[in-house]
């Protein structure tokens, strides 16, 4: 599968630069700007923010495809495996990947607490804790987290970045590590860096298992949904 992806890989340096720009510029802005008071964020901002980011991500994907005059189905492997099979495989692999990722996350959280560093709550969960936030906005955030984000993140990181770094002469393990680090670092959560890296490795392997981008999309959606369910069970 890796050899087949190397032969198919249509994305070059421009596409990689677009992926890094659309993902890391917002992350760097978040790092170098003062922490925003979540309680002051309006419902409109909570909708427009993810929407604008998604449009930028899909814009980068569209430019990459147009610049290379590519067939979308071939570039992202949509014809490599029937869609129902690719999605079902992704759902099963996503469920199978949950135990090791959650176990590693618990170990990292326990280790950080033992060292006196409490892992900060993810912003989306802090928003769900706000009783004043309209249900419609919470529903939008859930949909964005479970459905929308997996689509554009997998197209960017697995569909473009992973296939671009998996070139002839490039070690397979190095490609997994580079893609995994790029994916983990943009989430700006140092405690869960290793679990996110492991998640990325599983997503890359899921992509190779069928050759279709739909498989890691389904895996990513399962992971995000499980995170939400796990948080609900704790509250």
Foldseek 3Di string as FASTA:
>chain_A
DLVVLQVLAQFEDLLLVLLCCLLVVVLVVCVPDDDDDLVPDDLVCLQVVLVVSLVSLVVSLVCRCVVSVHDVCSLQVVVLDPLVVLLVLLQVLLVVLPVVLVVLLVVLQVVCVVVVHHFDDQPLVVVVVDPVRDPVSNVSVLCCQQARVLVSVLCSLQSHQLSHQSHVVRDNVVSLQVSLQSQLVSSVGVSSSVSSSSLSSSLNVSCVVRVHSSNSSSSSSNNRVVVVVVSVVVD
